[in-house]
Amino acid sequence: MKNLLLTFIALATIQISSAQQESAFGDGEWFKFKMSYSNWLKAGNATLTVKDTKLDDKDVYHVVGKGWTTGMIKWFFKVKDRYESYFDKKTNKPYKFIRNIDEGGHTKDIEITFDHENNKAFVNDKKHNNQKVFETKPNIQDMVSTYYYLRNSIDVSKLEIGDEIRTDMFFDEENYGFKLKYLGEEIIDTDFGDIEALKFRPYVMAGRVFKEEESLTLWVSKDKNKVPLRIKADLRIGSLRADLEAFKGLKHPFRIVVKN
């Protein structure tokens, strides 16, 4: 399960919307996800919260993502992760990113601040009392702000099946090229009823955890909110699934398919 909750927290926020439309999210939005291993064993939970705040006199969104293991999984691999991003309410550019994790005893406590004028990231590794400076690409995003940026910048009406969406993010100590493939539309059964969904394929690094780079599948609601509904991952051993369990503070009506 190492690093899997990180992946789900991040990917759960990929909520796509047209740049010409009203913002898909706002202050007070909250999601909770339940995770299961091989479709039957409860593995953990994750939450995402959006709040308005100020950072150095700038109006920003403060997004907090938390993930933790539960049930039997917790007894042999305990996870407690927290991710935070402060990004500009108008430009979506991140100013600060925080990663504080404990995954089976593997811990990190990292704070990153961004200088967009000079394309630099200042990384403060609090655990090792180590500070470094890295060059970044223009318009860089952090792991969390990336997905809120995509949420309000991509026009789904212009997407065709097979199209790939790319953006640049900075994570820990490196620039990372994120890629997402659009797979089309699908109606899926959820705890809230049947929902019209947009289906995507986020690319990951194949290796010790994931079977291959196309091991993940993501569904988001086909409405103005673009609510993250489900994520499935094929692992080297078994599979992991995250489903939306609860939500509040949506900016737009949540659509459920009404059957005749």
C-alpha atoms as a PDB file:
ATOM      1  CA  MET A   1       0.000   0.000   0.000  1.00  0.00           C
ATOM      2  CA  LYS A   2       3.024   2.294   0.198  1.00  0.00           C
ATOM      3  CA  ASN A   3       2.413   5.504  -1.802  1.00  0.00           C
ATOM      4  CA  LEU A   4      -1.001   4.271  -2.975  1.00  0.00           C
ATOM      5  CA  LEU A   5      -2.964   6.657  -0.767  1.00  0.00           C
ATOM      6  CA  LEU A   6      -0.823   9.459  -2.194  1.00  0.00           C
ATOM      7  CA  THR A   7      -1.876   8.426  -5.684  1.00  0.00           C
ATOM      8  CA  PHE A   8      -5.549   8.226  -4.796  1.00  0.00           C
ATOM      9  CA  ILE A   9      -5.563  11.590  -3.025  1.00  0.00           C
ATOM     10  CA  ALA A  10      -4.001  13.173  -6.065  1.00  0.00           C
ATOM     11  CA  LEU A  11      -6.019  11.469  -8.762  1.00  0.00           C
ATOM     12  CA  ALA A  12      -9.285  11.895  -6.930  1.00  0.00           C
ATOM     13  CA  THR A  13      -9.034  15.601  -7.609  1.00  0.00           C
ATOM     14  CA  ILE A  14      -8.842  15.346 -11.399  1.00  0.00           C
ATOM     15  CA  GLN A  15     -12.123  17.107 -12.098  1.00  0.00           C
ATOM     16  CA  ILE A  16     -12.328  18.518 -15.635  1.00  0.00           C
ATOM     17  CA  SER A  17     -14.281  21.615 -16.737  1.00  0.00           C
ATOM     18  CA  SER A  18     -14.377  24.193 -19.523  1.00  0.00           C
ATOM     19  CA  ALA A  19     -12.229  27.293 -19.071  1.00  0.00           C
ATOM     20  CA  GLN A  20     -15.170  29.453 -20.212  1.00  0.00           C
ATOM     21  CA  GLN A  21     -17.534  28.078 -17.587  1.00  0.00           C
ATOM     22  CA  GLU A  22     -17.914  28.985 -13.938  1.00  0.00           C
ATOM     23  CA  SER A  23     -15.398  27.402 -11.594  1.00  0.00           C
ATOM     24  CA  ALA A  24     -16.216  23.792 -10.740  1.00  0.00           C
ATOM     25  CA  PHE A  25     -15.292  24.112  -7.054  1.00  0.00           C
ATOM     26  CA  GLY A  26     -15.229  26.586  -4.185  1.00  0.00           C
ATOM     27  CA  ASP A  27     -14.861  27.177  -0.475  1.00  0.00           C
ATOM     28  CA  GLY A  28     -16.329  24.413   1.696  1.00  0.00           C
ATOM     29  CA  GLU A  29     -16.134  21.552  -0.808  1.00  0.00           C
ATOM     30  CA  TRP A  30     -15.396  18.234   0.929  1.00  0.00           C
ATOM     31  CA  PHE A  31     -15.062  14.644  -0.295  1.00  0.00           C
ATOM     32  CA  LYS A  32     -14.585  11.364   1.557  1.00  0.00           C
ATOM     33  CA  PHE A  33     -13.474   8.143  -0.150  1.00  0.00           C
ATOM     34  CA  LYS A  34     -13.527   4.523   0.971  1.00  0.00           C
ATOM     35  CA  MET A  35     -10.830   2.153  -0.275  1.00  0.00           C
ATOM     36  CA  SER A  36     -10.927  -1.589  -0.714  1.00  0.00           C
ATOM     37  CA  TYR A  37      -8.292  -4.170  -1.616  1.00  0.00           C
ATOM     38  CA  SER A  38      -9.232  -6.765  -4.260  1.00  0.00           C
ATOM     39  CA  ASN A  39     -12.851  -5.464  -4.098  1.00  0.00           C
ATOM     40  CA  TRP A  40     -13.664  -6.909  -0.665  1.00  0.00           C
ATOM     41  CA  LEU A  41     -11.116  -6.026   2.050  1.00  0.00           C
ATOM     42  CA  LYS A  42     -11.521  -2.524   3.507  1.00  0.00           C
ATOM     43  CA  ALA A  43      -8.176  -0.776   3.130  1.00  0.00           C
ATOM     44  CA  GLY A  44      -8.592   2.832   4.220  1.00  0.00           C
ATOM     45  CA  ASN A  45     -10.149   6.251   3.785  1.00  0.00           C
ATOM     46  CA  ALA A  46      -9.181   9.578   2.252  1.00  0.00           C
ATOM     47  CA  THR A  47     -10.636  13.085   2.420  1.00  0.00           C
ATOM     48  CA  LEU A  48     -10.214  16.307   0.430  1.00  0.00           C
ATOM     49  CA  THR A  49     -11.195  19.740   1.735  1.00  0.00           C
ATOM     50  CA  VAL A  50     -11.169  23.154   0.019  1.00  0.00           C
ATOM     51  CA  LYS A  51     -11.129  26.392   2.030  1.00  0.00           C
ATOM     52  CA  ASP A  52     -10.650  30.100   1.275  1.00  0.00           C
ATOM     53  CA  THR A  53      -7.763  31.740   3.112  1.00  0.00           C
ATOM     54  CA  LYS A  54      -4.901  34.217   2.738  1.00  0.00           C
ATOM     55  CA  LEU A  55      -1.188  33.512   2.365  1.00  0.00           C
ATOM     56  CA  ASP A  56       1.178  36.499   2.520  1.00  0.00           C
ATOM     57  CA  ASP A  57      -1.804  38.783   1.783  1.00  0.00           C
ATOM     58  CA  LYS A  58      -2.745  36.758  -1.314  1.00  0.00           C
ATOM     59  CA  ASP A  59      -6.220  35.279  -1.764  1.00  0.00           C
ATOM     60  CA  VAL A  60      -5.716  31.539  -2.067  1.00  0.00           C
ATOM     61  CA  TYR A  61      -7.451  28.203  -1.862  1.00  0.00           C
ATOM     62  CA  HIS A  62      -6.094  25.913   0.832  1.00  0.00           C
ATOM     63  CA  VAL A  63      -6.647  22.260  -0.090  1.00  0.00           C
ATOM     64  CA  VAL A  64      -5.963  19.537   2.475  1.00  0.00           C
ATOM     65  CA  GLY A  65      -5.821  15.859   1.513  1.00  0.00           C
ATOM     66  CA  LYS A  66      -5.650  13.158   4.172  1.00  0.00           C
ATOM     67  CA  GLY A  67      -5.307   9.379   3.811  1.00  0.00           C
ATOM     68  CA  TRP A  68      -5.165   6.593   6.373  1.00  0.00           C
ATOM     69  CA  THR A  69      -5.426   2.808   6.554  1.00  0.00           C
ATOM     70  CA  THR A  70      -8.205   1.040   8.457  1.00  0.00           C
ATOM     71  CA  GLY A  71      -9.295  -2.454   9.446  1.00  0.00           C
ATOM     72  CA  MET A  72      -7.022  -5.471   8.985  1.00  0.00           C
ATOM     73  CA  ILE A  73      -4.662  -3.608   6.631  1.00  0.00           C
ATOM     74  CA  LYS A  74      -3.727  -1.230   9.433  1.00  0.00           C
ATOM     75  CA  TRP A  75      -2.357  -4.044  11.572  1.00  0.00           C
ATOM     76  CA  PHE A  76       0.424  -4.956   9.137  1.00  0.00           C
ATOM     77  CA  PHE A  77       0.871  -1.695   7.214  1.00  0.00           C
ATOM     78  CA  LYS A  78      -0.196   1.569   8.841  1.00  0.00           C
ATOM     79  CA  VAL A  79      -0.533   4.708   6.707  1.00  0.00           C
ATOM     80  CA  LYS A  80      -1.212   8.256   7.853  1.00  0.00           C
ATOM     81  CA  ASP A  81      -0.668  10.861   5.105  1.00  0.00           C
ATOM     82  CA  ARG A  82      -1.378  14.572   4.872  1.00  0.00           C
ATOM     83  CA  TYR A  83      -0.956  16.813   1.809  1.00  0.00           C
ATOM     84  CA  GLU A  84      -1.611  20.553   1.619  1.00  0.00           C
ATOM     85  CA  SER A  85      -1.546  23.062  -1.216  1.00  0.00           C
ATOM     86  CA  TYR A  86      -1.983  26.833  -1.189  1.00  0.00           C
ATOM     87  CA  PHE A  87      -2.708  28.107  -4.700  1.00  0.00           C
ATOM     88  CA  ASP A  88      -3.876  31.402  -6.205  1.00  0.00           C
ATOM     89  CA  LYS A  89      -7.651  31.694  -6.592  1.00  0.00           C
ATOM     90  CA  LYS A  90      -7.364  33.375 -10.012  1.00  0.00           C
ATOM     91  CA  THR A  91      -4.293  31.853 -11.670  1.00  0.00           C
ATOM     92  CA  ASN A  92      -4.240  28.513  -9.806  1.00  0.00           C
ATOM     93  CA  LYS A  93      -0.442  28.838  -9.431  1.00  0.00           C
ATOM     94  CA  PRO A  94       0.761  27.156  -6.214  1.00  0.00           C
ATOM     95  CA  TYR A  95       2.643  29.140  -3.579  1.00  0.00           C
ATOM     96  CA  LYS A  96       3.187  26.415  -0.988  1.00  0.00           C
ATOM     97  CA  PHE A  97       2.951  22.614  -0.893  1.00  0.00           C
ATOM     98  CA  ILE A  98       3.251  20.412   2.210  1.00  0.00           C
ATOM     99  CA  ARG A  99       3.770  16.656   2.349  1.00  0.00           C
ATOM    100  CA  ASN A 100       3.732  15.002   5.791  1.00  0.00           C
ATOM    101  CA  ILE A 101       3.493  11.217   5.603  1.00  0.00           C
ATOM    102  CA  ASP A 102       3.989   8.043   7.609  1.00  0.00           C
ATOM    103  CA  GLU A 103       3.704   4.899   5.482  1.00  0.00           C
ATOM    104  CA  GLY A 104       4.628   1.786   7.404  1.00  0.00           C
ATOM    105  CA  GLY A 105       7.343   3.698   9.265  1.00  0.00           C
ATOM    106  CA  HIS A 106       8.617   5.457   6.139  1.00  0.00           C
ATOM    107  CA  THR A 107       8.214   9.150   6.981  1.00  0.00           C
ATOM    108  CA  LYS A 108       8.611  12.451   5.147  1.00  0.00           C
ATOM    109  CA  ASP A 109       8.020  16.039   6.227  1.00  0.00           C
ATOM    110  CA  ILE A 110       8.566  18.348   3.246  1.00  0.00           C
ATOM    111  CA  GLU A 111       7.513  21.932   2.564  1.00  0.00           C
ATOM    112  CA  ILE A 112       7.941  23.486  -0.896  1.00  0.00           C
ATOM    113  CA  THR A 113       7.559  27.163  -1.767  1.00  0.00           C
ATOM    114  CA  PHE A 114       7.418  28.333  -5.386  1.00  0.00           C
ATOM    115  CA  ASP A 115       8.972  31.390  -7.052  1.00  0.00           C
ATOM    116  CA  HIS A 116       7.104  31.627 -10.360  1.00  0.00           C
ATOM    117  CA  GLU A 117       8.916  34.747 -11.553  1.00  0.00           C
ATOM    118  CA  ASN A 118      12.276  32.960 -11.443  1.00  0.00           C
ATOM    119  CA  ASN A 119      10.970  29.407 -12.040  1.00  0.00           C
ATOM    120  CA  LYS A 120      12.380  27.968  -8.821  1.00  0.00           C
ATOM    121  CA  ALA A 121      11.182  25.646  -6.068  1.00  0.00           C
ATOM    122  CA  PHE A 122      12.574  25.939  -2.539  1.00  0.00           C
ATOM    123  CA  VAL A 123      12.406  22.537  -0.847  1.00  0.00           C
ATOM    124  CA  ASN A 124      12.635  22.345   2.946  1.00  0.00           C
ATOM    125  CA  ASP A 125      13.160  18.770   4.143  1.00  0.00           C
ATOM    126  CA  LYS A 126      12.219  19.239   7.793  1.00  0.00           C
ATOM    127  CA  LYS A 127      12.943  15.644   8.729  1.00  0.00           C
ATOM    128  CA  HIS A 128      16.610  15.926   7.694  1.00  0.00           C
ATOM    129  CA  ASN A 129      16.938  19.689   8.293  1.00  0.00           C
ATOM    130  CA  ASN A 130      17.976  20.135   4.667  1.00  0.00           C
ATOM    131  CA  GLN A 131      17.114  22.964   2.231  1.00  0.00           C
ATOM    132  CA  LYS A 132      17.581  22.832  -1.547  1.00  0.00           C
ATOM    133  CA  VAL A 133      16.650  24.969  -4.562  1.00  0.00           C
ATOM    134  CA  PHE A 134      15.521  23.472  -7.897  1.00  0.00           C
ATOM    135  CA  GLU A 135      14.809  24.877 -11.343  1.00  0.00           C
ATOM    136  CA  THR A 136      11.191  24.416 -12.428  1.00  0.00           C
ATOM    137  CA  LYS A 137       9.330  24.688 -15.702  1.00  0.00           C
ATOM    138  CA  PRO A 138       7.094  27.718 -16.410  1.00  0.00           C
ATOM    139  CA  ASN A 139       3.549  27.475 -15.017  1.00  0.00           C
ATOM    140  CA  ILE A 140       4.556  24.584 -12.771  1.00  0.00           C
ATOM    141  CA  GLN A 141       1.966  23.021 -10.476  1.00  0.00           C
ATOM    142  CA  ASP A 142       2.316  20.951  -7.321  1.00  0.00           C
ATOM    143  CA  MET A 143       0.804  17.505  -6.900  1.00  0.00           C
ATOM    144  CA  VAL A 144      -2.525  18.811  -5.551  1.00  0.00           C
ATOM    145  CA  SER A 145      -2.908  22.105  -7.443  1.00  0.00           C
ATOM    146  CA  THR A 146      -2.308  20.289 -10.750  1.00  0.00           C
ATOM    147  CA  TYR A 147      -5.700  18.665 -10.672  1.00  0.00           C
ATOM    148  CA  TYR A 148      -7.626  21.764  -9.643  1.00  0.00           C
ATOM    149  CA  TYR A 149      -5.859  23.584 -12.463  1.00  0.00           C
ATOM    150  CA  LEU A 150      -7.007  20.894 -14.918  1.00  0.00           C
ATOM    151  CA  ARG A 151     -10.490  21.058 -13.471  1.00  0.00           C
ATOM    152  CA  ASN A 152     -10.974  24.613 -14.673  1.00  0.00           C
ATOM    153  CA  SER A 153      -8.787  24.728 -17.769  1.00  0.00           C
ATOM    154  CA  ILE A 154      -9.718  21.798 -20.015  1.00  0.00           C
ATOM    155  CA  ASP A 155     -12.719  21.957 -22.322  1.00  0.00           C
ATOM    156  CA  VAL A 156     -14.202  18.467 -22.276  1.00  0.00           C
ATOM    157  CA  SER A 157     -16.534  19.318 -25.179  1.00  0.00           C
ATOM    158  CA  LYS A 158     -13.479  19.424 -27.436  1.00  0.00           C
ATOM    159  CA  LEU A 159     -12.009  16.121 -26.249  1.00  0.00           C
ATOM    160  CA  GLU A 160     -12.148  13.023 -28.406  1.00  0.00           C
ATOM    161  CA  ILE A 161     -11.599   9.465 -27.230  1.00  0.00           C
ATOM    162  CA  GLY A 162      -7.887   8.781 -27.127  1.00  0.00           C
ATOM    163  CA  ASP A 163      -6.860  12.409 -26.611  1.00  0.00           C
ATOM    164  CA  GLU A 164      -4.045  12.905 -24.091  1.00  0.00           C
ATOM    165  CA  ILE A 165      -3.822  15.782 -21.603  1.00  0.00           C
ATOM    166  CA  ARG A 166      -0.391  16.797 -20.326  1.00  0.00           C
ATOM    167  CA  THR A 167       0.855  19.229 -17.707  1.00  0.00           C
ATOM    168  CA  ASP A 168       3.987  19.795 -15.605  1.00  0.00           C
ATOM    169  CA  MET A 169       4.171  19.376 -11.854  1.00  0.00           C
ATOM    170  CA  PHE A 170       6.963  19.529  -9.284  1.00  0.00           C
ATOM    171  CA  PHE A 171       7.005  16.781  -6.669  1.00  0.00           C
ATOM    172  CA  ASP A 172       9.546  16.353  -3.836  1.00  0.00           C
ATOM    173  CA  GLU A 173      12.733  17.187  -5.764  1.00  0.00           C
ATOM    174  CA  GLU A 174      11.910  16.785  -9.442  1.00  0.00           C
ATOM    175  CA  ASN A 175       9.818  18.016 -12.337  1.00  0.00           C
ATOM    176  CA  TYR A 176       7.254  15.461 -13.439  1.00  0.00           C
ATOM    177  CA  GLY A 177       5.295  15.318 -16.694  1.00  0.00           C
ATOM    178  CA  PHE A 178       1.734  14.226 -15.900  1.00  0.00           C
ATOM    179  CA  LYS A 179      -0.305  12.541 -18.656  1.00  0.00           C
ATOM    180  CA  LEU A 180      -3.999  11.661 -18.754  1.00  0.00           C
ATOM    181  CA  LYS A 181      -5.891   9.882 -21.566  1.00  0.00           C
ATOM    182  CA  TYR A 182      -9.600  10.481 -22.214  1.00  0.00           C
ATOM    183  CA  LEU A 183     -11.523   7.201 -22.626  1.00  0.00           C
ATOM    184  CA  GLY A 184     -15.068   8.473 -23.181  1.00  0.00           C
ATOM    185  CA  GLU A 185     -18.349   8.402 -21.236  1.00  0.00           C
ATOM    186  CA  GLU A 186     -19.955   5.723 -19.078  1.00  0.00           C
ATOM    187  CA  ILE A 187     -22.851   5.352 -16.626  1.00  0.00           C
ATOM    188  CA  ILE A 188     -21.615   3.834 -13.352  1.00  0.00           C
ATOM    189  CA  ASP A 189     -23.423   2.520 -10.273  1.00  0.00           C
ATOM    190  CA  THR A 190     -22.474   4.414  -7.088  1.00  0.00           C
ATOM    191  CA  ASP A 191     -23.692   4.698  -3.485  1.00  0.00           C
ATOM    192  CA  PHE A 192     -25.755   7.682  -4.647  1.00  0.00           C
ATOM    193  CA  GLY A 193     -27.336   6.011  -7.697  1.00  0.00           C
ATOM    194  CA  ASP A 194     -26.419   5.722 -11.375  1.00  0.00           C
ATOM    195  CA  ILE A 195     -24.200   8.610 -12.455  1.00  0.00           C
ATOM    196  CA  GLU A 196     -23.131   9.761 -15.934  1.00  0.00           C
ATOM    197  CA  ALA A 197     -19.333   9.784 -15.806  1.00  0.00           C
ATOM    198  CA  LEU A 198     -16.301  10.821 -17.823  1.00  0.00           C
ATOM    199  CA  LYS A 199     -13.652   8.104 -17.929  1.00  0.00           C
ATOM    200  CA  PHE A 200      -9.897   8.751 -17.900  1.00  0.00           C
ATOM    201  CA  ARG A 201      -6.639   6.792 -17.832  1.00  0.00           C
ATOM    202  CA  PRO A 202      -3.939   8.475 -15.694  1.00  0.00           C
ATOM    203  CA  TYR A 203      -0.474   7.165 -16.534  1.00  0.00           C
ATOM    204  CA  VAL A 204       1.718   5.887 -13.692  1.00  0.00           C
ATOM    205  CA  MET A 205       5.182   4.389 -13.435  1.00  0.00           C
ATOM    206  CA  ALA A 206       5.152   0.599 -13.795  1.00  0.00           C
ATOM    207  CA  GLY A 207       7.281  -1.332 -11.352  1.00  0.00           C
ATOM    208  CA  ARG A 208       7.086  -2.572  -7.796  1.00  0.00           C
ATOM    209  CA  VAL A 209       3.546  -1.303  -7.117  1.00  0.00           C
ATOM    210  CA  PHE A 210       1.671  -1.017 -10.423  1.00  0.00           C
ATOM    211  CA  LYS A 211       1.482  -3.717 -13.110  1.00  0.00           C
ATOM    212  CA  GLU A 212       1.980  -1.270 -15.984  1.00  0.00           C
ATOM    213  CA  GLU A 213       1.756   2.430 -16.769  1.00  0.00           C
ATOM    214  CA  GLU A 214      -1.928   2.035 -17.736  1.00  0.00           C
ATOM    215  CA  SER A 215      -2.905   0.393 -14.432  1.00  0.00           C
ATOM    216  CA  LEU A 216      -5.210   3.208 -13.259  1.00  0.00           C
ATOM    217  CA  THR A 217      -8.738   4.125 -14.364  1.00  0.00           C
ATOM    218  CA  LEU A 218     -10.632   7.192 -13.127  1.00  0.00           C
ATOM    219  CA  TRP A 219     -14.317   8.211 -13.351  1.00  0.00           C
ATOM    220  CA  VAL A 220     -15.645  11.740 -12.657  1.00  0.00           C
ATOM    221  CA  SER A 221     -19.261  12.920 -12.833  1.00  0.00           C
ATOM    222  CA  LYS A 222     -20.426  14.501 -16.074  1.00  0.00           C
ATOM    223  CA  ASP A 223     -21.781  17.699 -14.526  1.00  0.00           C
ATOM    224  CA  LYS A 224     -20.421  21.122 -13.593  1.00  0.00           C
ATOM    225  CA  ASN A 225     -18.904  19.771 -10.375  1.00  0.00           C
ATOM    226  CA  LYS A 226     -16.989  16.914 -12.052  1.00  0.00           C
ATOM    227  CA  VAL A 227     -17.066  14.962  -8.794  1.00  0.00           C
ATOM    228  CA  PRO A 228     -14.460  12.172  -8.487  1.00  0.00           C
ATOM    229  CA  LEU A 229     -16.545   8.999  -8.275  1.00  0.00           C
ATOM    230  CA  ARG A 230     -14.191   6.023  -8.547  1.00  0.00           C
ATOM    231  CA  ILE A 231     -10.569   5.016  -9.097  1.00  0.00           C
ATOM    232  CA  LYS A 232      -9.339   1.493  -9.830  1.00  0.00           C
ATOM    233  CA  ALA A 233      -5.729   0.315  -9.756  1.00  0.00           C
ATOM    234  CA  ASP A 234      -4.283  -2.990 -10.947  1.00  0.00           C
ATOM    235  CA  LEU A 235      -1.355  -3.790  -8.658  1.00  0.00           C
ATOM    236  CA  ARG A 236       1.502  -6.237  -8.912  1.00  0.00           C
ATOM    237  CA  ILE A 237      -0.476  -8.271  -6.372  1.00  0.00           C
ATOM    238  CA  GLY A 238      -4.252  -7.770  -6.305  1.00  0.00           C
ATOM    239  CA  SER A 239      -6.095  -4.507  -6.964  1.00  0.00           C
ATOM    240  CA  LEU A 240      -7.127  -1.377  -5.104  1.00  0.00           C
ATOM    241  CA  ARG A 241     -10.329   0.629  -5.520  1.00  0.00           C
ATOM    242  CA  ALA A 242     -11.453   4.011  -4.142  1.00  0.00           C
ATOM    243  CA  ASP A 243     -15.128   5.054  -4.200  1.00  0.00           C
ATOM    244  CA  LEU A 244     -16.727   8.341  -3.208  1.00  0.00           C
ATOM    245  CA  GLU A 245     -18.537   7.717   0.083  1.00  0.00           C
ATOM    246  CA  ALA A 246     -19.710  11.205   1.108  1.00  0.00           C
ATOM    247  CA  PHE A 247     -19.554  14.816  -0.020  1.00  0.00           C
ATOM    248  CA  LYS A 248     -20.745  18.310   0.873  1.00  0.00           C
ATOM    249  CA  GLY A 249     -20.316  21.900  -0.256  1.00  0.00           C
ATOM    250  CA  LEU A 250     -20.680  21.259  -3.990  1.00  0.00           C
ATOM    251  CA  LYS A 251     -20.897  24.425  -6.064  1.00  0.00           C
ATOM    252  CA  HIS A 252     -23.388  23.021  -8.592  1.00  0.00           C
ATOM    253  CA  PRO A 253     -26.264  20.487  -8.551  1.00  0.00           C
ATOM    254  CA  PHE A 254     -25.205  16.844  -8.445  1.00  0.00           C
ATOM    255  CA  ARG A 255     -26.916  14.876 -11.230  1.00  0.00           C
ATOM    256  CA  ILE A 256     -28.240  11.338 -10.775  1.00  0.00           C
ATOM    257  CA  VAL A 257     -29.629   9.306 -13.666  1.00  0.00           C
ATOM    258  CA  VAL A 258     -33.378   8.774 -13.280  1.00  0.00           C
ATOM    259  CA  LYS A 259     -34.514   5.453 -14.744  1.00  0.00           C
ATOM    260  CA  ASN A 260     -37.920   5.100 -16.405  1.00  0.00           C
END
